[in-house]
């Protein structure tokens, strides 16, 4: 199963990007997680721009989403919501319909005790409005993420690592059930 991983952060060493890399490392056999790193290349969305010829980063994003068996989004929390760059990505994708019915997980990683729960809820809601099939069992918030990752970006707590694996297994099971 091919999962496209999309970080909502532009920071090279963001907790969310590190968490997606860790997900790829911890993925069960048969689950291939591929990050998409073109977030910073997307132009600002405008309905007038959503016509042929589309910007190349948009064509690439839509093609990768279409080809994926499932989606894994991970968002930071800015001002109790997902960041504008992630919302911009979603705005570019909504009209294509490529997310419709696609098994999707909404994650958040935050150094706070709340783990970015508001941003994760906002992301999940937006994905549901887009008709993605958000899998609750595959969605999670990683709390205290800065201290929960070691220098290599690996989850230190075995319970959190197990939660990551269970979320990925739930995403894979959702695809198999469809």
N, C-alpha and C. Protein backbone atom coordinates (compact mmCIF):
# COMPACT_ATOMS: atom_id res chain seq x y z
N UNK A 1 0.85 -1.18 0.00
CA UNK A 1 0.00 0.00 0.00
C UNK A 1 0.89 1.23 0.00
N UNK A 2 0.58 2.17 -0.88
CA UNK A 2 1.36 3.40 -1.00
C UNK A 2 0.65 4.56 -0.29
N UNK A 3 1.33 5.14 0.68
CA UNK A 3 0.80 6.27 1.45
C UNK A 3 1.61 7.51 1.09
N UNK A 4 0.92 8.58 0.73
CA UNK A 4 1.57 9.86 0.50
C UNK A 4 1.53 10.64 1.80
N UNK A 5 2.70 11.05 2.28
CA UNK A 5 2.82 11.79 3.54
C UNK A 5 3.02 13.27 3.24
N UNK A 6 2.16 14.10 3.85
CA UNK A 6 2.18 15.54 3.59
C UNK A 6 2.31 16.30 4.90
N UNK A 7 3.43 16.98 5.07
CA UNK A 7 3.67 17.79 6.26
C UNK A 7 3.11 19.19 6.03
N UNK A 8 2.51 19.74 7.05
CA UNK A 8 1.97 21.10 6.97
C UNK A 8 2.96 22.16 7.41
N UNK A 9 4.23 21.81 7.48
CA UNK A 9 5.24 22.75 7.93
C UNK A 9 6.30 22.95 6.85
N UNK A 10 6.79 24.17 6.76
CA UNK A 10 7.87 24.50 5.83
C UNK A 10 9.24 24.31 6.46
N UNK A 11 9.30 24.19 7.78
CA UNK A 11 10.59 24.05 8.46
C UNK A 11 11.22 22.70 8.14
N UNK A 12 12.48 22.71 7.76
CA UNK A 12 13.18 21.47 7.40
C UNK A 12 13.20 20.47 8.55
N UNK A 13 13.37 20.93 9.77
CA UNK A 13 13.43 20.05 10.93
C UNK A 13 12.18 20.18 11.79
N UNK A 14 11.05 20.41 11.17
CA UNK A 14 9.81 20.54 11.95
C UNK A 14 9.46 19.21 12.60
N UNK A 15 8.80 19.29 13.72
CA UNK A 15 8.36 18.08 14.42
C UNK A 15 7.45 17.25 13.54
N UNK A 16 6.63 17.91 12.75
CA UNK A 16 5.67 17.20 11.91
C UNK A 16 6.37 16.46 10.78
N UNK A 17 7.36 17.07 10.17
CA UNK A 17 8.13 16.41 9.13
C UNK A 17 8.92 15.25 9.71
N UNK A 18 9.51 15.47 10.88
CA UNK A 18 10.25 14.39 11.56
C UNK A 18 9.32 13.22 11.89
N UNK A 19 8.10 13.54 12.33
CA UNK A 19 7.15 12.48 12.67
C UNK A 19 6.77 11.66 11.43
N UNK A 20 6.62 12.31 10.29
CA UNK A 20 6.32 11.57 9.07
C UNK A 20 7.49 10.68 8.66
N UNK A 21 8.70 11.17 8.85
CA UNK A 21 9.88 10.32 8.57
C UNK A 21 9.91 9.12 9.53
N UNK A 22 9.56 9.35 10.76
CA UNK A 22 9.51 8.27 11.74
C UNK A 22 8.41 7.27 11.37
N UNK A 23 7.30 7.77 10.87
CA UNK A 23 6.22 6.88 10.43
C UNK A 23 6.72 5.97 9.31
N UNK A 24 7.49 6.52 8.38
CA UNK A 24 8.04 5.71 7.29
C UNK A 24 8.96 4.63 7.85
N UNK A 25 9.73 4.98 8.87
CA UNK A 25 10.66 4.01 9.47
C UNK A 25 9.91 2.92 10.22
N UNK A 26 8.82 3.27 10.89
CA UNK A 26 8.07 2.32 11.72
C UNK A 26 6.96 1.61 10.96
N UNK A 27 6.77 1.93 9.70
CA UNK A 27 5.66 1.37 8.93
C UNK A 27 5.74 -0.15 8.88
N UNK A 28 4.58 -0.79 9.02
CA UNK A 28 4.57 -2.25 8.93
C UNK A 28 4.91 -2.70 7.51
N UNK A 29 5.34 -3.94 7.36
CA UNK A 29 5.65 -4.47 6.03
C UNK A 29 4.46 -4.29 5.08
N UNK A 30 4.77 -3.95 3.85
CA UNK A 30 3.72 -3.76 2.86
C UNK A 30 3.17 -2.35 2.80
N UNK A 31 3.63 -1.49 3.69
CA UNK A 31 3.18 -0.09 3.72
C UNK A 31 4.36 0.80 3.35
N UNK A 32 4.25 1.47 2.23
CA UNK A 32 5.30 2.35 1.75
C UNK A 32 4.85 3.80 1.94
N UNK A 33 5.58 4.55 2.75
CA UNK A 33 5.24 5.95 3.02
C UNK A 33 6.23 6.83 2.29
N UNK A 34 5.70 7.68 1.41
CA UNK A 34 6.53 8.57 0.60
C UNK A 34 6.18 10.01 0.93
N UNK A 35 7.15 10.79 1.36
CA UNK A 35 6.86 12.20 1.66
C UNK A 35 6.76 13.04 0.38
N UNK A 36 5.90 14.03 0.43
CA UNK A 36 5.83 15.03 -0.65
C UNK A 36 6.43 16.30 -0.06
N UNK A 37 7.43 16.83 -0.72
CA UNK A 37 8.17 17.96 -0.17
C UNK A 37 8.04 19.21 -1.02
N UNK A 38 6.93 19.37 -1.71
CA UNK A 38 6.73 20.52 -2.58
C UNK A 38 5.87 21.62 -1.99
N UNK A 39 5.62 21.57 -0.68
CA UNK A 39 4.72 22.54 -0.06
C UNK A 39 5.13 23.98 -0.32
N UNK A 40 6.42 24.25 -0.22
CA UNK A 40 6.91 25.62 -0.39
C UNK A 40 6.85 26.10 -1.84
N UNK A 41 6.65 25.17 -2.77
CA UNK A 41 6.60 25.52 -4.19
C UNK A 41 5.20 25.88 -4.67
N UNK A 42 4.18 25.57 -3.87
CA UNK A 42 2.81 25.85 -4.31
C UNK A 42 2.54 27.35 -4.32
N UNK A 43 1.97 27.87 -5.40
CA UNK A 43 1.58 29.27 -5.40
C UNK A 43 0.34 29.46 -4.53
N UNK A 44 0.05 30.68 -4.19
CA UNK A 44 -1.19 30.96 -3.45
C UNK A 44 -2.37 30.55 -4.32
N UNK A 45 -3.34 29.91 -3.69
CA UNK A 45 -4.51 29.45 -4.44
C UNK A 45 -5.42 30.61 -4.79
N UNK A 46 -5.95 30.54 -5.98
CA UNK A 46 -7.00 31.45 -6.44
C UNK A 46 -7.81 30.67 -7.47
N UNK A 47 -9.12 30.76 -7.45
CA UNK A 47 -9.92 30.02 -8.43
C UNK A 47 -9.52 30.33 -9.87
N UNK A 48 -9.06 31.54 -10.12
CA UNK A 48 -8.65 31.90 -11.48
C UNK A 48 -7.42 31.11 -11.92
N UNK A 49 -6.60 30.68 -10.98
CA UNK A 49 -5.40 29.92 -11.31
C UNK A 49 -5.68 28.43 -11.46
N UNK A 50 -6.87 28.00 -11.04
CA UNK A 50 -7.22 26.59 -11.04
C UNK A 50 -7.81 26.18 -12.40
N UNK A 51 -7.05 26.44 -13.45
CA UNK A 51 -7.45 26.06 -14.80
C UNK A 51 -6.18 25.80 -15.60
N UNK A 52 -6.35 25.19 -16.75
CA UNK A 52 -5.20 24.86 -17.58
C UNK A 52 -4.54 26.12 -18.12
N UNK A 53 -3.26 26.19 -18.20
CA UNK A 53 -2.31 25.22 -17.64
C UNK A 53 -2.13 25.47 -16.14
N UNK A 54 -2.16 24.39 -15.39
CA UNK A 54 -1.96 24.47 -13.95
C UNK A 54 -0.47 24.65 -13.65
N UNK A 55 -0.16 25.32 -12.52
CA UNK A 55 1.24 25.39 -12.10
C UNK A 55 1.81 23.98 -11.91
N UNK A 56 3.04 23.78 -12.29
CA UNK A 56 3.68 22.45 -12.24
C UNK A 56 3.62 21.84 -10.84
N UNK A 57 3.86 22.59 -9.75
CA UNK A 57 3.77 21.95 -8.43
C UNK A 57 2.36 21.43 -8.13
N UNK A 58 1.34 22.08 -8.65
CA UNK A 58 -0.05 21.62 -8.45
C UNK A 58 -0.29 20.34 -9.23
N UNK A 59 0.19 20.28 -10.46
CA UNK A 59 0.06 19.07 -11.28
C UNK A 59 0.74 17.90 -10.56
N UNK A 60 1.94 18.13 -10.03
CA UNK A 60 2.67 17.09 -9.32
C UNK A 60 1.91 16.63 -8.08
N UNK A 61 1.45 17.57 -7.28
CA UNK A 61 0.71 17.24 -6.06
C UNK A 61 -0.52 16.40 -6.38
N UNK A 62 -1.33 16.87 -7.31
CA UNK A 62 -2.56 16.16 -7.65
C UNK A 62 -2.27 14.76 -8.17
N UNK A 63 -1.24 14.61 -9.00
CA UNK A 63 -0.88 13.30 -9.54
C UNK A 63 -0.46 12.35 -8.42
N UNK A 64 0.33 12.85 -7.49
CA UNK A 64 0.79 11.99 -6.39
C UNK A 64 -0.37 11.58 -5.48
N UNK A 65 -1.29 12.49 -5.24
CA UNK A 65 -2.47 12.15 -4.44
C UNK A 65 -3.31 11.11 -5.16
N UNK A 66 -3.52 11.30 -6.44
CA UNK A 66 -4.31 10.37 -7.25
C UNK A 66 -3.69 8.97 -7.24
N UNK A 67 -2.36 8.88 -7.31
CA UNK A 67 -1.66 7.60 -7.37
C UNK A 67 -1.56 6.90 -6.02
N UNK A 68 -1.70 7.65 -4.94
CA UNK A 68 -1.56 7.07 -3.60
C UNK A 68 -2.79 6.26 -3.22
N UNK A 69 -2.56 5.22 -2.42
CA UNK A 69 -3.66 4.41 -1.89
C UNK A 69 -4.26 5.05 -0.64
N UNK A 70 -3.49 5.90 0.01
CA UNK A 70 -3.95 6.59 1.21
C UNK A 70 -3.09 7.82 1.45
N UNK A 71 -3.59 8.68 2.33
CA UNK A 71 -2.92 9.95 2.62
C UNK A 71 -2.66 10.06 4.12
N UNK A 72 -1.52 10.64 4.44
CA UNK A 72 -1.14 10.89 5.83
C UNK A 72 -0.71 12.34 5.94
N UNK A 73 -1.54 13.15 6.56
CA UNK A 73 -1.24 14.56 6.79
C UNK A 73 -0.76 14.73 8.22
N UNK A 74 0.23 15.60 8.42
CA UNK A 74 0.69 15.93 9.76
C UNK A 74 0.85 17.44 9.83
N UNK A 75 0.14 18.06 10.77
CA UNK A 75 0.11 19.51 10.84
C UNK A 75 0.63 20.07 12.15
N UNK A 76 1.35 21.17 12.08
CA UNK A 76 1.64 21.91 13.31
C UNK A 76 0.40 22.73 13.68
N UNK A 77 0.44 23.34 14.83
CA UNK A 77 -0.66 24.20 15.26
C UNK A 77 -0.17 25.63 15.37
N UNK A 78 -0.77 26.50 14.58
CA UNK A 78 -0.49 27.93 14.63
C UNK A 78 -1.78 28.65 14.98
N UNK A 79 -1.75 29.37 16.05
CA UNK A 79 -2.92 30.15 16.50
C UNK A 79 -4.17 29.25 16.57
N UNK A 80 -4.01 28.06 17.15
CA UNK A 80 -5.07 27.08 17.36
C UNK A 80 -5.66 26.53 16.07
N UNK A 81 -4.92 26.55 14.98
CA UNK A 81 -5.42 26.03 13.71
C UNK A 81 -4.26 25.49 12.89
N UNK A 82 -4.58 24.85 11.77
CA UNK A 82 -3.52 24.42 10.85
C UNK A 82 -2.95 25.66 10.18
N UNK A 83 -1.70 25.62 9.76
CA UNK A 83 -1.08 26.78 9.13
C UNK A 83 -1.67 27.05 7.74
N UNK A 84 -1.54 28.29 7.31
CA UNK A 84 -2.08 28.73 6.03
C UNK A 84 -1.50 27.95 4.86
N UNK A 85 -0.23 27.55 4.94
CA UNK A 85 0.38 26.82 3.82
C UNK A 85 -0.30 25.47 3.60
N UNK A 86 -0.74 24.82 4.69
CA UNK A 86 -1.44 23.55 4.55
C UNK A 86 -2.84 23.78 4.00
N UNK A 87 -3.50 24.80 4.49
CA UNK A 87 -4.84 25.14 3.96
C UNK A 87 -4.74 25.45 2.48
N UNK A 88 -3.68 26.15 2.07
CA UNK A 88 -3.46 26.46 0.66
C UNK A 88 -3.33 25.16 -0.16
N UNK A 89 -2.58 24.20 0.36
CA UNK A 89 -2.45 22.91 -0.32
C UNK A 89 -3.82 22.27 -0.51
N UNK A 90 -4.62 22.26 0.54
CA UNK A 90 -5.94 21.64 0.47
C UNK A 90 -6.85 22.38 -0.52
N UNK A 91 -6.72 23.69 -0.58
CA UNK A 91 -7.52 24.45 -1.54
C UNK A 91 -7.16 24.09 -2.98
N UNK A 92 -5.89 23.80 -3.25
CA UNK A 92 -5.48 23.39 -4.58
C UNK A 92 -6.03 22.02 -4.95
N UNK A 93 -6.28 21.19 -3.96
CA UNK A 93 -6.68 19.81 -4.22
C UNK A 93 -8.20 19.63 -4.25
N UNK A 94 -8.93 20.46 -3.56
CA UNK A 94 -10.37 20.22 -3.40
C UNK A 94 -11.11 20.11 -4.74
N UNK A 95 -10.82 20.98 -5.69
CA UNK A 95 -11.58 20.97 -6.94
C UNK A 95 -11.26 19.78 -7.83
N UNK A 96 -10.10 19.15 -7.63
CA UNK A 96 -9.73 18.00 -8.46
C UNK A 96 -10.51 16.75 -8.08
N UNK A 97 -10.99 16.69 -6.83
CA UNK A 97 -11.71 15.51 -6.36
C UNK A 97 -10.81 14.33 -6.07
N UNK A 98 -9.50 14.53 -6.09
CA UNK A 98 -8.57 13.41 -5.91
C UNK A 98 -8.57 12.84 -4.49
N UNK A 99 -9.10 13.57 -3.53
CA UNK A 99 -9.14 13.06 -2.14
C UNK A 99 -10.45 12.33 -1.83
N UNK A 100 -11.42 12.42 -2.71
CA UNK A 100 -12.74 11.85 -2.44
C UNK A 100 -12.63 10.35 -2.20
N UNK A 101 -13.09 9.92 -1.02
CA UNK A 101 -13.11 8.52 -0.66
C UNK A 101 -11.76 7.91 -0.31
N UNK A 102 -10.70 8.69 -0.38
CA UNK A 102 -9.35 8.17 -0.13
C UNK A 102 -9.12 8.03 1.38
N UNK A 103 -8.69 6.84 1.86
CA UNK A 103 -8.38 6.68 3.28
C UNK A 103 -7.30 7.69 3.70
N UNK A 104 -7.59 8.41 4.76
CA UNK A 104 -6.74 9.53 5.16
C UNK A 104 -6.58 9.56 6.67
N UNK A 105 -5.37 9.89 7.11
CA UNK A 105 -5.08 10.08 8.53
C UNK A 105 -4.68 11.53 8.76
N UNK A 106 -5.18 12.10 9.84
CA UNK A 106 -4.85 13.47 10.23
C UNK A 106 -4.05 13.41 11.53
N UNK A 107 -2.79 13.82 11.45
CA UNK A 107 -1.89 13.82 12.59
C UNK A 107 -1.47 15.23 12.93
N UNK A 108 -1.01 15.38 14.16
CA UNK A 108 -0.38 16.62 14.58
C UNK A 108 0.71 16.28 15.59
N UNK A 109 1.78 17.05 15.53
CA UNK A 109 2.86 16.92 16.51
C UNK A 109 3.13 18.31 17.07
N UNK A 110 3.23 18.38 18.37
CA UNK A 110 3.42 19.68 19.01
C UNK A 110 4.25 19.51 20.28
N UNK A 111 5.02 20.53 20.63
CA UNK A 111 5.76 20.45 21.89
C UNK A 111 4.85 20.68 23.11
N UNK A 112 3.59 21.01 22.88
CA UNK A 112 2.67 21.30 23.99
C UNK A 112 2.06 20.02 24.56
N UNK A 113 1.39 20.18 25.69
CA UNK A 113 0.68 19.07 26.32
C UNK A 113 -0.54 18.65 25.52
N UNK A 114 -1.07 19.57 24.71
CA UNK A 114 -2.27 19.29 23.92
C UNK A 114 -1.95 18.61 22.60
N UNK A 115 -0.69 18.67 22.18
CA UNK A 115 -0.27 17.97 20.98
C UNK A 115 -0.84 18.50 19.68
N UNK A 116 -1.24 19.75 19.65
CA UNK A 116 -1.79 20.31 18.42
C UNK A 116 -3.20 19.82 18.13
N UNK A 117 -3.95 19.49 19.17
CA UNK A 117 -5.28 18.90 18.99
C UNK A 117 -6.24 19.80 18.21
N UNK A 118 -6.14 21.10 18.39
CA UNK A 118 -7.05 22.00 17.66
C UNK A 118 -6.73 22.00 16.17
N UNK A 119 -5.45 22.03 15.84
CA UNK A 119 -5.05 21.99 14.43
C UNK A 119 -5.43 20.65 13.80
N UNK A 120 -5.23 19.58 14.55
CA UNK A 120 -5.57 18.25 14.05
C UNK A 120 -7.07 18.15 13.79
N UNK A 121 -7.87 18.69 14.70
CA UNK A 121 -9.33 18.67 14.52
C UNK A 121 -9.74 19.53 13.31
N UNK A 122 -9.09 20.67 13.15
CA UNK A 122 -9.37 21.53 12.01
C UNK A 122 -9.00 20.84 10.70
N UNK A 123 -7.86 20.18 10.68
CA UNK A 123 -7.43 19.45 9.50
C UNK A 123 -8.41 18.32 9.18
N UNK A 124 -8.78 17.54 10.18
CA UNK A 124 -9.70 16.43 9.97
C UNK A 124 -11.04 16.93 9.43
N UNK A 125 -11.53 18.02 9.99
CA UNK A 125 -12.81 18.59 9.54
C UNK A 125 -12.72 19.02 8.07
N UNK A 126 -11.65 19.72 7.72
CA UNK A 126 -11.48 20.18 6.35
C UNK A 126 -11.40 19.00 5.39
N UNK A 127 -10.66 17.97 5.77
CA UNK A 127 -10.55 16.77 4.92
C UNK A 127 -11.92 16.10 4.76
N UNK A 128 -12.71 16.06 5.82
CA UNK A 128 -14.05 15.47 5.73
C UNK A 128 -14.94 16.28 4.80
N UNK A 129 -14.84 17.60 4.86
CA UNK A 129 -15.61 18.47 3.96
C UNK A 129 -15.21 18.18 2.51
N UNK A 130 -13.95 17.85 2.30
CA UNK A 130 -13.44 17.53 0.97
C UNK A 130 -13.82 16.11 0.54
N UNK A 131 -14.51 15.37 1.39
CA UNK A 131 -14.96 13.99 1.16
C UNK A 131 -13.84 12.96 1.18
N UNK A 132 -12.71 13.31 1.81
CA UNK A 132 -11.70 12.29 2.09
C UNK A 132 -12.28 11.39 3.16
N UNK A 133 -11.86 10.14 3.19
CA UNK A 133 -12.35 9.22 4.22
C UNK A 133 -11.38 9.24 5.38
N UNK A 134 -11.59 10.18 6.31
CA UNK A 134 -10.71 10.31 7.47
C UNK A 134 -10.96 9.13 8.40
N UNK A 135 -9.90 8.44 8.72
CA UNK A 135 -9.97 7.24 9.56
C UNK A 135 -9.63 7.65 10.99
N UNK A 136 -10.64 7.70 11.88
CA UNK A 136 -10.37 8.15 13.26
C UNK A 136 -9.28 7.33 13.96
N UNK A 137 -9.27 6.02 13.75
CA UNK A 137 -8.29 5.15 14.41
C UNK A 137 -6.87 5.38 13.87
N UNK A 138 -6.77 6.01 12.72
CA UNK A 138 -5.46 6.29 12.12
C UNK A 138 -4.99 7.70 12.42
N UNK A 139 -5.80 8.48 13.09
CA UNK A 139 -5.47 9.87 13.37
C UNK A 139 -4.96 10.00 14.80
N UNK A 140 -3.97 10.89 15.00
CA UNK A 140 -3.41 11.04 16.34
C UNK A 140 -2.74 12.39 16.52
N UNK A 141 -2.50 12.71 17.78
CA UNK A 141 -1.75 13.90 18.18
C UNK A 141 -0.58 13.43 19.03
N UNK A 142 0.62 13.85 18.65
CA UNK A 142 1.82 13.52 19.43
C UNK A 142 2.10 14.69 20.35
N UNK A 143 1.94 14.47 21.65
CA UNK A 143 2.17 15.51 22.63
C UNK A 143 3.63 15.55 23.05
N UNK A 144 4.05 16.69 23.56
CA UNK A 144 5.42 16.86 24.03
C UNK A 144 6.43 16.32 23.01
N UNK A 145 6.17 16.61 21.76
CA UNK A 145 6.93 16.00 20.67
C UNK A 145 8.41 16.36 20.69
N UNK A 146 8.75 17.56 21.08
CA UNK A 146 10.16 17.94 21.07
C UNK A 146 10.96 17.03 21.99
N UNK A 147 10.45 16.78 23.18
CA UNK A 147 11.17 15.91 24.11
C UNK A 147 10.91 14.43 23.84
N UNK A 148 9.91 14.12 23.01
CA UNK A 148 9.56 12.74 22.71
C UNK A 148 10.38 12.12 21.59
N UNK A 149 11.17 12.98 20.89
CA UNK A 149 12.00 12.48 19.80
C UNK A 149 13.47 12.59 20.20
N UNK A 150 14.25 11.60 19.81
CA UNK A 150 15.67 11.67 20.10
C UNK A 150 16.39 12.49 19.02
N UNK A 151 17.69 12.56 19.09
CA UNK A 151 18.47 13.37 18.15
C UNK A 151 18.33 12.94 16.71
N UNK A 152 18.00 11.69 16.47
CA UNK A 152 17.81 11.18 15.11
C UNK A 152 16.38 11.35 14.62
N UNK A 153 15.51 11.89 15.49
CA UNK A 153 14.11 12.06 15.12
C UNK A 153 13.26 10.83 15.35
N UNK A 154 13.76 9.88 16.14
CA UNK A 154 13.02 8.66 16.45
C UNK A 154 12.22 8.87 17.73
N UNK A 155 11.03 8.30 17.78
CA UNK A 155 10.20 8.36 18.97
C UNK A 155 10.87 7.57 20.08
N UNK A 156 11.07 8.22 21.23
CA UNK A 156 11.76 7.57 22.35
C UNK A 156 10.84 6.66 23.16
N UNK A 157 9.60 7.07 23.33
CA UNK A 157 8.66 6.34 24.17
C UNK A 157 8.08 5.14 23.40
N UNK A 158 8.28 3.94 23.89
CA UNK A 158 7.75 2.75 23.21
C UNK A 158 6.23 2.79 23.04
N UNK A 159 5.52 3.40 24.01
CA UNK A 159 4.06 3.50 23.89
C UNK A 159 3.66 4.42 22.74
N UNK A 160 4.40 5.53 22.57
CA UNK A 160 4.11 6.42 21.45
C UNK A 160 4.46 5.75 20.12
N UNK A 161 5.55 5.02 20.08
CA UNK A 161 5.91 4.28 18.87
C UNK A 161 4.83 3.25 18.53
N UNK A 162 4.30 2.60 19.54
CA UNK A 162 3.22 1.63 19.32
C UNK A 162 1.96 2.33 18.80
N UNK A 163 1.68 3.52 19.31
CA UNK A 163 0.52 4.29 18.83
C UNK A 163 0.68 4.65 17.36
N UNK A 164 1.90 5.02 16.97
CA UNK A 164 2.17 5.32 15.56
C UNK A 164 1.92 4.09 14.69
N UNK A 165 2.44 2.96 15.11
CA UNK A 165 2.27 1.73 14.34
C UNK A 165 0.79 1.35 14.23
N UNK A 166 0.05 1.48 15.35
CA UNK A 166 -1.37 1.14 15.32
C UNK A 166 -2.14 2.08 14.39
N UNK A 167 -1.78 3.35 14.38
CA UNK A 167 -2.43 4.30 13.49
C UNK A 167 -2.17 3.93 12.03
N UNK A 168 -0.93 3.56 11.73
CA UNK A 168 -0.60 3.16 10.36
C UNK A 168 -1.31 1.87 9.97
N UNK A 169 -1.40 0.94 10.88
CA UNK A 169 -2.14 -0.30 10.61
C UNK A 169 -3.62 -0.03 10.38
N UNK A 170 -4.18 0.92 11.11
CA UNK A 170 -5.59 1.30 10.91
C UNK A 170 -5.80 1.93 9.54
N UNK A 171 -4.85 2.74 9.11
CA UNK A 171 -4.95 3.34 7.78
C UNK A 171 -4.88 2.26 6.70
N UNK A 172 -3.98 1.31 6.86
CA UNK A 172 -3.86 0.22 5.90
C UNK A 172 -5.13 -0.63 5.89
N UNK A 173 -5.68 -0.90 7.07
CA UNK A 173 -6.91 -1.71 7.16
C UNK A 173 -8.09 -0.99 6.49
N UNK A 174 -8.13 0.33 6.61
CA UNK A 174 -9.21 1.10 5.98
C UNK A 174 -9.14 0.98 4.46
N UNK A 175 -7.94 0.94 3.93
CA UNK A 175 -7.78 0.78 2.47
C UNK A 175 -8.23 -0.61 2.04
N UNK A 176 -7.82 -1.60 2.83
CA UNK A 176 -8.19 -2.99 2.49
C UNK A 176 -9.68 -3.21 2.58
N UNK A 177 -10.35 -2.48 3.48
CA UNK A 177 -11.80 -2.63 3.67
C UNK A 177 -12.61 -1.98 2.56
N UNK A 178 -11.96 -1.09 1.77
CA UNK A 178 -12.73 -0.39 0.74
C UNK A 178 -12.82 -1.16 -0.56
